[in-house]
Amino acid sequence: MGDREAAIVKITDDLLSVDPALWDACANPPGEPYNPFISHAFLSALEESGSATRRTGWLPHHLILEDGEGNLAGCMPLYLKSHSRGEYVFDHGWANAYENAGGRYYPKLQCSVPFTPATGRRLLTPAGPGREAAEDMLAAGAVELGKRLGVSSLHITFLPERQWTRLTEIGFLQRTNQQFHWHNRDYASFTDFLGELSSRKRKMIRKEREKALENGIEIEWVTGSDLTEDHWDSFYAFYMDTGARKWGTPYLTREFFSLIGERMANDTLLVMARRNGRYIAGALNFIGSDALYGRNWGAVEHHPFLHFECCYYQAIDFAIERGLARVEAGAQGEHKLARGYLPSRTYSAHWIANASFREAVADYLSRERQHVDHDIAVLGEYAPFRHDIAATDYQEDDF
């Protein structure tokens, strides 16, 4: 990376001011798995569309690490936040406890991809011998920024285990949780996947897929140049309906979807359900080099099991066709287990400014990690696979 002493960390509140090619050389270096969410295109679309901005409580404070020659040696998506919404690693209880004790929890610093509970690197650096040193400087820069701003805390969420472990060595607290992921064991077809399930689960899934497509429902995959503004109009109506029912005010603006369609069409998959010539439901997915990431779902008509078909089974079909290693189906949802999605551990790291509060949070997290480990072990016992196939055969260590 050059002379470590000469390297400097800068802050920008506008990702569009950063050269996309330079950012992406750190976020998705050649030869490493491609993650669409940490790309310049995705993160800048959130800002440019008004989805993640000061107005919505996501004030960008992205870190830019420059080496001694002024070259971009690392970067970090970072936000000053006035709330804890859109993160999927919940700290509302921490905020209440801190403020009940007379402290001010907000604003806080949040390193994450807004509204996106998908694991990926957060300390973004090119591959090479200087990577860990650059990561350390980015982390130290974020902590120093937190001290200068006087925030209560800094949270780095949905990061890979390697970065999580290294952050612990420099004083961050460790937190874990779990999601449900489907793992591809080189299946040639959905039928091959079903063949590894117990007889009862096979019958259940076949029945659900048949029921979902009753009433003349047809499923379409739309990606790449086939995506149009008409597709986004339809999907946005689904998204708004679901968002209004689940959390009141949906996070993403209509413009965000247009920007994604313009800049990331080949990384985007819409699974659309049509009935009587009209789109009635859809699921938005993003395509990485080794994973399909399920993100948003919505519908304007209710049909039994259509949600499962569009979000889970069609995702498996697509992953098998594309040779993708896994499907990450988003946050929560133990009902995914019976559909072949297994519990996978997720990681977050937390810096707490106040020593007494840090001690209390550390004690809580120690007990919480034990509960997460227990839950994953118990859930694994209920995996839908045949008895001669161990659920652990499907799980990866890190990504």
Protein backbone atom coordinates (compact mmCIF):
# COMPACT_ATOMS: atom_id res chain seq x y z
CA MET A 1 0.00 0.00 0.00
CA GLY A 2 2.96 2.28 0.30
CA ASP A 3 4.22 4.15 3.38
CA ARG A 4 1.77 3.49 6.21
CA GLU A 5 2.81 6.66 8.04
CA ALA A 6 1.98 8.78 5.01
CA ALA A 7 -1.46 7.25 4.45
CA ILE A 8 -4.44 9.43 5.36
CA VAL A 9 -8.14 8.83 5.91
CA LYS A 10 -10.59 11.29 4.39
CA ILE A 11 -14.37 11.66 4.75
CA THR A 12 -16.87 12.27 1.97
CA ASP A 13 -20.60 12.90 2.20
CA ASP A 14 -21.09 12.29 -1.51
CA LEU A 15 -20.24 8.94 -3.05
CA LEU A 16 -20.66 10.42 -6.52
CA SER A 17 -17.48 12.40 -5.87
CA VAL A 18 -15.53 9.12 -5.75
CA ASP A 19 -14.43 7.55 -9.02
CA PRO A 20 -16.60 4.41 -9.44
CA ALA A 21 -13.73 2.37 -10.88
CA LEU A 22 -11.46 3.20 -7.94
CA TRP A 23 -14.16 2.39 -5.37
CA ASP A 24 -14.99 -0.89 -7.09
CA ALA A 25 -11.32 -1.89 -7.26
CA CYS A 26 -11.45 -1.90 -3.45
CA ALA A 27 -14.98 -3.27 -3.06
CA ASN A 28 -14.82 -6.07 -5.62
CA PRO A 29 -11.19 -6.74 -6.53
CA PRO A 30 -10.50 -8.98 -9.54
CA GLY A 31 -10.40 -12.65 -8.66
CA GLU A 32 -12.64 -12.33 -5.58
CA PRO A 33 -16.38 -13.09 -5.31
CA TYR A 34 -18.46 -10.21 -6.62
CA ASN A 35 -20.91 -8.67 -4.15
CA PRO A 36 -23.36 -6.26 -5.81
CA PHE A 37 -24.30 -4.40 -2.62
CA ILE A 38 -20.90 -2.88 -1.91
CA SER A 39 -20.48 -1.72 -5.49
CA HIS A 40 -20.39 1.99 -6.26
CA ALA A 41 -23.47 1.57 -8.45
CA PHE A 42 -25.66 0.19 -5.67
CA LEU A 43 -24.52 2.50 -2.88
CA SER A 44 -24.62 5.63 -5.05
CA ALA A 45 -28.12 4.71 -6.26
CA LEU A 46 -29.29 4.74 -2.63
CA GLU A 47 -27.93 8.26 -2.18
CA GLU A 48 -28.84 9.71 -5.56
CA SER A 49 -32.41 8.42 -5.32
CA GLY A 50 -32.97 10.00 -1.90
CA SER A 51 -33.30 6.63 -0.19
CA ALA A 52 -30.23 6.94 2.09
CA THR A 53 -29.62 10.63 2.79
CA ARG A 54 -29.59 13.16 5.62
CA ARG A 55 -33.36 13.56 5.17
CA THR A 56 -34.00 9.87 5.81
CA GLY A 57 -31.56 9.67 8.73
CA TRP A 58 -28.63 8.19 6.78
CA LEU A 59 -26.04 10.98 6.49
CA PRO A 60 -23.06 9.67 4.47
CA HIS A 61 -19.66 9.87 6.16
CA HIS A 62 -17.81 7.43 3.88
CA LEU A 63 -14.14 6.90 4.64
CA ILE A 64 -11.53 7.10 1.90
CA LEU A 65 -8.02 5.81 2.61
CA GLU A 66 -5.27 7.30 0.47
CA ASP A 67 -1.70 6.00 0.40
CA GLY A 68 1.42 8.14 0.38
CA GLU A 69 1.06 8.81 -3.35
CA GLY A 70 -2.59 9.89 -3.08
CA ASN A 71 -3.95 6.65 -4.53
CA LEU A 72 -7.16 5.10 -3.20
CA ALA A 73 -6.05 2.26 -0.92
CA GLY A 74 -9.34 1.51 0.81
CA CYS A 75 -12.83 2.75 1.53
CA MET A 76 -15.68 2.15 3.96
CA PRO A 77 -19.42 2.82 3.57
CA LEU A 78 -20.27 4.78 6.71
CA TYR A 79 -23.30 6.78 7.85
CA LEU A 80 -24.16 9.09 10.72
CA LYS A 81 -27.58 7.90 11.84
CA SER A 82 -30.37 9.49 13.86
CA HIS A 83 -32.31 6.21 14.31
CA SER A 84 -31.85 2.44 14.06
CA ARG A 85 -34.22 1.65 11.21
CA GLY A 86 -33.23 -0.25 8.08
CA GLU A 87 -30.32 -2.10 9.70
CA TYR A 88 -31.64 -5.59 10.66
CA VAL A 89 -29.20 -5.86 13.59
CA PHE A 90 -31.39 -4.51 16.34
CA ASP A 91 -30.05 -2.18 19.02
CA HIS A 92 -33.28 -0.44 20.08
CA GLY A 93 -32.94 -1.97 23.54
CA TRP A 94 -29.43 -0.56 23.85
CA ALA A 95 -30.69 2.88 22.84
CA ASN A 96 -33.52 2.79 25.40
CA ALA A 97 -31.21 1.65 28.19
CA TYR A 98 -28.59 4.28 27.41
CA GLU A 99 -31.10 7.11 27.26
CA ASN A 100 -32.92 5.93 30.40
CA ALA A 101 -29.57 6.22 32.16
CA GLY A 102 -29.29 9.83 31.00
CA GLY A 103 -27.15 9.37 27.91
CA ARG A 104 -27.73 10.32 24.28
CA TYR A 105 -27.59 7.28 22.00
CA TYR A 106 -28.21 9.09 18.72
CA PRO A 107 -26.50 10.04 16.51
CA LYS A 108 -24.41 6.94 16.04
CA LEU A 109 -22.10 5.75 13.27
CA GLN A 110 -23.22 2.83 11.13
CA CYS A 111 -21.07 0.93 8.66
CA SER A 112 -23.46 -1.11 6.54
CA VAL A 113 -25.32 -1.29 3.28
CA PRO A 114 -28.59 0.53 4.01
CA PHE A 115 -31.73 -1.62 4.07
CA THR A 116 -29.71 -4.71 3.06
CA PRO A 117 -29.10 -7.59 5.50
CA ALA A 118 -26.55 -9.36 3.31
CA THR A 119 -23.04 -10.29 4.40
CA GLY A 120 -20.11 -8.71 2.61
CA ARG A 121 -16.82 -7.00 3.33
CA ARG A 122 -17.20 -3.62 5.03
CA LEU A 123 -13.56 -2.55 5.24
CA LEU A 124 -13.00 -2.41 1.50
CA THR A 125 -9.42 -2.86 0.31
CA PRO A 126 -7.69 -4.41 -2.69
CA ALA A 127 -6.26 -7.89 -2.31
CA GLY A 128 -2.59 -8.10 -1.46
CA PRO A 129 -0.08 -8.08 1.38
CA GLY A 130 -1.17 -4.65 2.61
CA ARG A 131 -4.84 -5.55 3.01
CA GLU A 132 -4.96 -6.09 6.77
CA ALA A 133 -2.96 -2.94 7.47
CA ALA A 134 -5.37 -0.94 5.32
CA GLU A 135 -8.37 -2.51 7.07
CA ASP A 136 -6.89 -1.59 10.43
CA MET A 137 -6.45 2.03 9.33
CA LEU A 138 -10.04 2.24 8.12
CA ALA A 139 -11.33 0.82 11.41
CA ALA A 140 -9.12 3.16 13.43
CA GLY A 141 -10.27 6.07 11.28
CA ALA A 142 -13.92 5.22 11.95
CA VAL A 143 -13.30 5.06 15.70
CA GLU A 144 -11.42 8.37 15.63
CA LEU A 145 -14.30 9.94 13.70
CA GLY A 146 -16.71 8.61 16.30
CA LYS A 147 -14.67 10.21 19.08
CA ARG A 148 -14.48 13.55 17.28
CA LEU A 149 -18.21 13.57 16.61
CA GLY A 150 -18.97 12.50 20.18
CA VAL A 151 -21.24 9.64 19.13
CA SER A 152 -22.30 6.90 21.51
CA SER A 153 -21.25 4.03 19.27
CA LEU A 154 -20.03 2.66 15.96
CA HIS A 155 -21.64 -0.44 14.44
CA ILE A 156 -20.24 -2.56 11.59
CA THR A 157 -22.89 -5.05 10.53
CA PHE A 158 -23.13 -8.13 8.28
CA LEU A 159 -19.39 -8.42 7.80
CA PRO A 160 -17.51 -11.68 7.09
CA GLU A 161 -16.09 -13.67 9.96
CA ARG A 162 -12.47 -12.81 9.13
CA GLN A 163 -13.04 -9.07 9.47
CA TRP A 164 -15.24 -9.63 12.54
CA THR A 165 -12.45 -11.54 14.27
CA ARG A 166 -9.83 -8.93 13.42
CA LEU A 167 -11.98 -6.06 14.70
CA THR A 168 -12.27 -7.83 18.03
CA GLU A 169 -8.49 -7.65 18.34
CA ILE A 170 -8.67 -3.84 18.25
CA GLY A 171 -11.45 -3.47 20.81
CA PHE A 172 -14.77 -4.05 19.06
CA LEU A 173 -17.46 -6.15 20.72
CA GLN A 174 -18.66 -9.28 18.94
CA ARG A 175 -22.27 -10.00 18.04
CA THR A 176 -23.81 -12.88 16.11
CA ASN A 177 -27.18 -13.72 14.66
CA GLN A 178 -28.52 -16.14 12.07
CA GLN A 179 -30.21 -16.16 8.69
CA PHE A 180 -31.42 -18.94 6.40
CA HIS A 181 -29.41 -19.77 3.28
CA TRP A 182 -29.89 -22.43 0.62
CA HIS A 183 -26.74 -24.27 -0.51
CA ASN A 184 -26.20 -25.74 -3.95
CA ARG A 185 -24.56 -29.18 -3.95
CA ASP A 186 -23.99 -29.12 -7.71
CA TYR A 187 -27.62 -29.94 -8.43
CA ALA A 188 -28.55 -30.37 -12.06
CA SER A 189 -32.20 -29.55 -11.40
CA PHE A 190 -34.74 -28.73 -8.71
CA THR A 191 -35.73 -32.38 -8.84
CA ASP A 192 -32.18 -33.34 -7.81
CA PHE A 193 -32.48 -31.03 -4.82
CA LEU A 194 -35.83 -32.55 -3.85
CA GLY A 195 -34.25 -35.98 -4.02
CA GLU A 196 -32.13 -35.14 -0.97
CA LEU A 197 -35.16 -34.20 1.15
CA SER A 198 -37.25 -36.47 3.28
CA SER A 199 -40.27 -37.94 1.54
CA ARG A 200 -42.69 -35.79 3.54
CA LYS A 201 -40.86 -32.55 2.70
CA ARG A 202 -40.65 -33.47 -0.99
CA LYS A 203 -44.41 -33.95 -1.14
CA MET A 204 -45.03 -30.72 0.74
CA ILE A 205 -42.88 -28.63 -1.61
CA ARG A 206 -44.35 -30.20 -4.75
CA LYS A 207 -47.84 -29.48 -3.47
CA GLU A 208 -46.96 -25.89 -2.59
CA ARG A 209 -45.52 -25.27 -6.04
CA GLU A 210 -48.61 -26.71 -7.70
CA LYS A 211 -50.96 -24.65 -5.54
CA ALA A 212 -48.98 -21.45 -6.12
CA LEU A 213 -49.52 -21.64 -9.87
CA GLU A 214 -53.22 -22.39 -9.79
CA ASN A 215 -55.64 -19.82 -11.22
CA GLY A 216 -53.56 -19.45 -14.37
CA ILE A 217 -50.53 -17.82 -12.74
CA GLU A 218 -47.34 -17.73 -14.79
CA ILE A 219 -43.82 -16.93 -13.59
CA GLU A 220 -41.27 -14.87 -15.53
CA TRP A 221 -37.59 -14.17 -14.89
CA VAL A 222 -36.67 -10.67 -16.00
CA THR A 223 -33.05 -9.57 -16.01
CA GLY A 224 -30.52 -7.65 -18.07
CA SER A 225 -31.74 -5.71 -21.08
CA ASP A 226 -35.25 -7.18 -20.70
CA LEU A 227 -35.88 -4.99 -17.64
CA THR A 228 -38.07 -2.00 -18.44
CA GLU A 229 -39.63 0.90 -16.58
CA ASP A 230 -42.97 -0.90 -16.86
CA HIS A 231 -41.51 -3.77 -14.84
CA TRP A 232 -40.27 -1.32 -12.21
CA ASP A 233 -43.65 0.43 -12.09
CA SER A 234 -45.34 -2.87 -11.38
CA PHE A 235 -42.77 -3.99 -8.84
CA TYR A 236 -42.81 -0.66 -7.03
CA ALA A 237 -46.56 -1.02 -6.53
CA PHE A 238 -45.92 -4.43 -4.94
CA TYR A 239 -43.11 -3.03 -2.80
CA MET A 240 -45.20 -0.13 -1.55
CA ASP A 241 -48.10 -2.39 -0.63
CA THR A 242 -45.91 -4.74 1.40
CA GLY A 243 -43.92 -1.92 2.98
CA ALA A 244 -46.98 0.00 4.09
CA ARG A 245 -48.40 -3.09 5.78
CA LYS A 246 -45.16 -4.19 7.49
CA TRP A 247 -43.35 -1.05 8.65
CA GLY A 248 -45.40 1.99 7.64
CA THR A 249 -43.07 3.93 5.35
CA PRO A 250 -41.10 1.96 2.74
CA TYR A 251 -37.43 2.89 2.59
CA LEU A 252 -36.68 2.86 -1.13
CA THR A 253 -37.88 5.52 -3.56
CA ARG A 254 -39.20 4.81 -7.03
CA GLU A 255 -36.09 6.45 -8.53
CA PHE A 256 -33.87 3.89 -6.80
CA PHE A 257 -35.32 1.07 -8.90
CA SER A 258 -34.83 3.01 -12.12
CA LEU A 259 -31.19 3.66 -11.26
CA ILE A 260 -30.66 -0.01 -10.47
CA GLY A 261 -32.24 -0.98 -13.77
CA GLU A 262 -30.00 1.51 -15.57
CA ARG A 263 -26.72 0.67 -13.84
CA MET A 264 -27.06 -2.91 -12.58
CA ALA A 265 -29.43 -4.67 -14.95
CA ASN A 266 -27.18 -7.71 -15.32
CA ASP A 267 -26.92 -7.98 -11.54
CA THR A 268 -30.68 -7.82 -11.08
CA LEU A 269 -33.36 -10.50 -11.28
CA LEU A 270 -37.07 -9.81 -11.03
CA VAL A 271 -39.22 -12.89 -10.51
CA MET A 272 -42.63 -11.70 -11.71
CA ALA A 273 -45.98 -13.47 -11.39
CA ARG A 274 -48.59 -12.76 -14.05
CA ARG A 275 -52.30 -13.61 -14.12
CA ASN A 276 -54.74 -12.77 -16.92
CA GLY A 277 -52.09 -10.69 -18.66
CA ARG A 278 -51.37 -8.55 -15.57
CA TYR A 279 -48.47 -8.63 -13.14
CA ILE A 280 -49.76 -9.39 -9.64
CA ALA A 281 -46.62 -10.13 -7.59
CA GLY A 282 -42.86 -10.04 -7.75
CA ALA A 283 -39.59 -10.65 -5.94
CA LEU A 284 -36.43 -8.60 -6.39
CA ASN A 285 -33.08 -10.42 -6.28
CA PHE A 286 -29.49 -9.35 -6.86
CA ILE A 287 -26.95 -11.61 -8.52
CA GLY A 288 -23.43 -12.05 -7.21
CA SER A 289 -20.71 -14.20 -8.70
CA ASP A 290 -21.45 -17.02 -6.25
CA ALA A 291 -24.80 -16.15 -4.67
CA LEU A 292 -28.31 -14.96 -5.38
CA TYR A 293 -29.57 -12.45 -2.82
CA GLY A 294 -33.31 -12.21 -2.24
CA ARG A 295 -34.31 -8.71 -1.20
CA ASN A 296 -37.89 -7.44 -1.62
CA TRP A 297 -41.26 -9.01 -2.27
CA GLY A 298 -44.75 -7.69 -2.84
CA ALA A 299 -48.12 -8.59 -4.30
CA VAL A 300 -51.43 -6.94 -5.13
CA GLU A 301 -53.33 -10.22 -5.08
CA HIS A 302 -53.14 -12.98 -2.48
CA HIS A 303 -52.66 -16.55 -3.68
CA PRO A 304 -51.63 -19.45 -1.41
CA PHE A 305 -47.90 -20.23 -1.51
CA LEU A 306 -47.16 -17.65 -4.22
CA HIS A 307 -44.73 -15.93 -1.86
CA PHE A 308 -42.83 -19.18 -1.34
CA GLU A 309 -42.80 -19.88 -5.08
CA CYS A 310 -41.48 -16.45 -6.11
CA CYS A 311 -39.03 -15.88 -3.26
CA TYR A 312 -37.69 -19.35 -2.41
CA TYR A 313 -38.35 -21.95 -5.07
CA GLN A 314 -37.75 -19.77 -8.12
CA ALA A 315 -34.56 -18.51 -6.47
CA ILE A 316 -33.36 -22.10 -6.14
CA ASP A 317 -34.25 -22.79 -9.78
CA PHE A 318 -32.28 -19.72 -10.88
CA ALA A 319 -29.26 -20.57 -8.70
CA ILE A 320 -29.13 -24.09 -10.11
CA GLU A 321 -29.37 -22.82 -13.68
CA ARG A 322 -26.62 -20.23 -13.10
CA GLY A 323 -24.42 -22.54 -11.02
CA LEU A 324 -24.52 -20.25 -7.99
CA ALA A 325 -23.30 -21.69 -4.70
CA ARG A 326 -26.08 -20.39 -2.48
CA VAL A 327 -29.24 -18.33 -2.10
CA GLU A 328 -29.43 -15.84 0.73
CA ALA A 329 -33.10 -15.24 1.40
CA GLY A 330 -32.80 -12.16 3.63
CA ALA A 331 -33.51 -11.66 7.30
CA GLN A 332 -35.58 -13.80 9.66
CA GLY A 333 -38.11 -16.47 8.69
CA GLU A 334 -37.87 -19.89 10.34
CA HIS A 335 -40.46 -21.09 7.83
CA LYS A 336 -37.58 -21.14 5.30
CA LEU A 337 -36.06 -24.13 7.09
CA ALA A 338 -38.71 -26.56 5.81
CA ARG A 339 -38.02 -25.30 2.28
CA GLY A 340 -34.35 -26.28 2.36
CA TYR A 341 -32.85 -23.04 3.68
CA LEU A 342 -30.50 -23.75 6.57
CA PRO A 343 -29.42 -21.52 9.47
CA SER A 344 -26.19 -19.63 8.82
CA ARG A 345 -24.40 -17.41 11.29
CA THR A 346 -24.07 -13.66 10.67
CA TYR A 347 -21.61 -11.28 12.33
CA SER A 348 -21.46 -7.69 13.53
CA ALA A 349 -18.90 -5.66 15.49
CA HIS A 350 -19.62 -2.76 17.85
CA TRP A 351 -17.53 0.01 19.39
CA ILE A 352 -19.08 1.64 22.47
CA ALA A 353 -17.67 4.96 23.68
CA ASN A 354 -18.85 4.87 27.30
CA ALA A 355 -16.85 2.37 29.38
CA SER A 356 -19.68 1.44 31.76
CA PHE A 357 -22.18 1.01 28.96
CA ARG A 358 -19.63 -0.97 26.95
CA GLU A 359 -19.21 -3.38 29.88
CA ALA A 360 -22.97 -3.91 30.12
CA VAL A 361 -23.31 -4.50 26.38
CA ALA A 362 -20.36 -6.90 26.41
CA ASP A 363 -22.05 -8.98 29.11
CA TYR A 364 -25.31 -9.03 27.13
CA LEU A 365 -23.54 -10.06 23.92
CA SER A 366 -21.70 -12.91 25.64
CA ARG A 367 -25.02 -14.44 26.64
CA GLU A 368 -26.67 -13.64 23.30
CA ARG A 369 -23.93 -15.44 21.34
CA GLN A 370 -24.57 -18.58 23.39
CA HIS A 371 -28.29 -18.37 22.56
CA VAL A 372 -27.53 -17.94 18.85
CA ASP A 373 -25.24 -20.98 18.88
CA HIS A 374 -27.93 -23.02 20.64
CA ASP A 375 -30.65 -21.90 18.22
CA ILE A 376 -28.55 -22.79 15.18
CA ALA A 377 -27.79 -26.23 16.60
CA VAL A 378 -31.46 -26.90 17.40
CA LEU A 379 -32.70 -25.63 14.04
CA GLY A 380 -30.16 -27.82 12.27
CA GLU A 381 -31.79 -30.87 13.84
CA TYR A 382 -35.02 -29.97 12.02
CA ALA A 383 -33.42 -29.69 8.58
CA PRO A 384 -35.64 -31.26 5.89
CA PHE A 385 -32.95 -33.51 4.44
CA ARG A 386 -32.86 -37.28 4.56
CA HIS A 387 -31.31 -38.82 7.66
CA ASP A 388 -28.26 -39.98 5.71
CA ILE A 389 -27.40 -36.37 4.77
CA ALA A 390 -25.99 -34.10 7.49
CA ALA A 391 -27.17 -30.50 7.49
CA THR A 392 -23.60 -29.36 8.16
CA ASP A 393 -22.61 -30.67 4.73
CA TYR A 394 -24.39 -27.68 3.25
CA GLN A 395 -22.89 -24.84 5.27
CA GLU A 396 -19.88 -22.73 4.39
CA ASP A 397 -17.50 -21.25 6.93
CA ASP A 398 -17.16 -17.75 5.51
CA PHE A 399 -17.86 -15.71 2.39
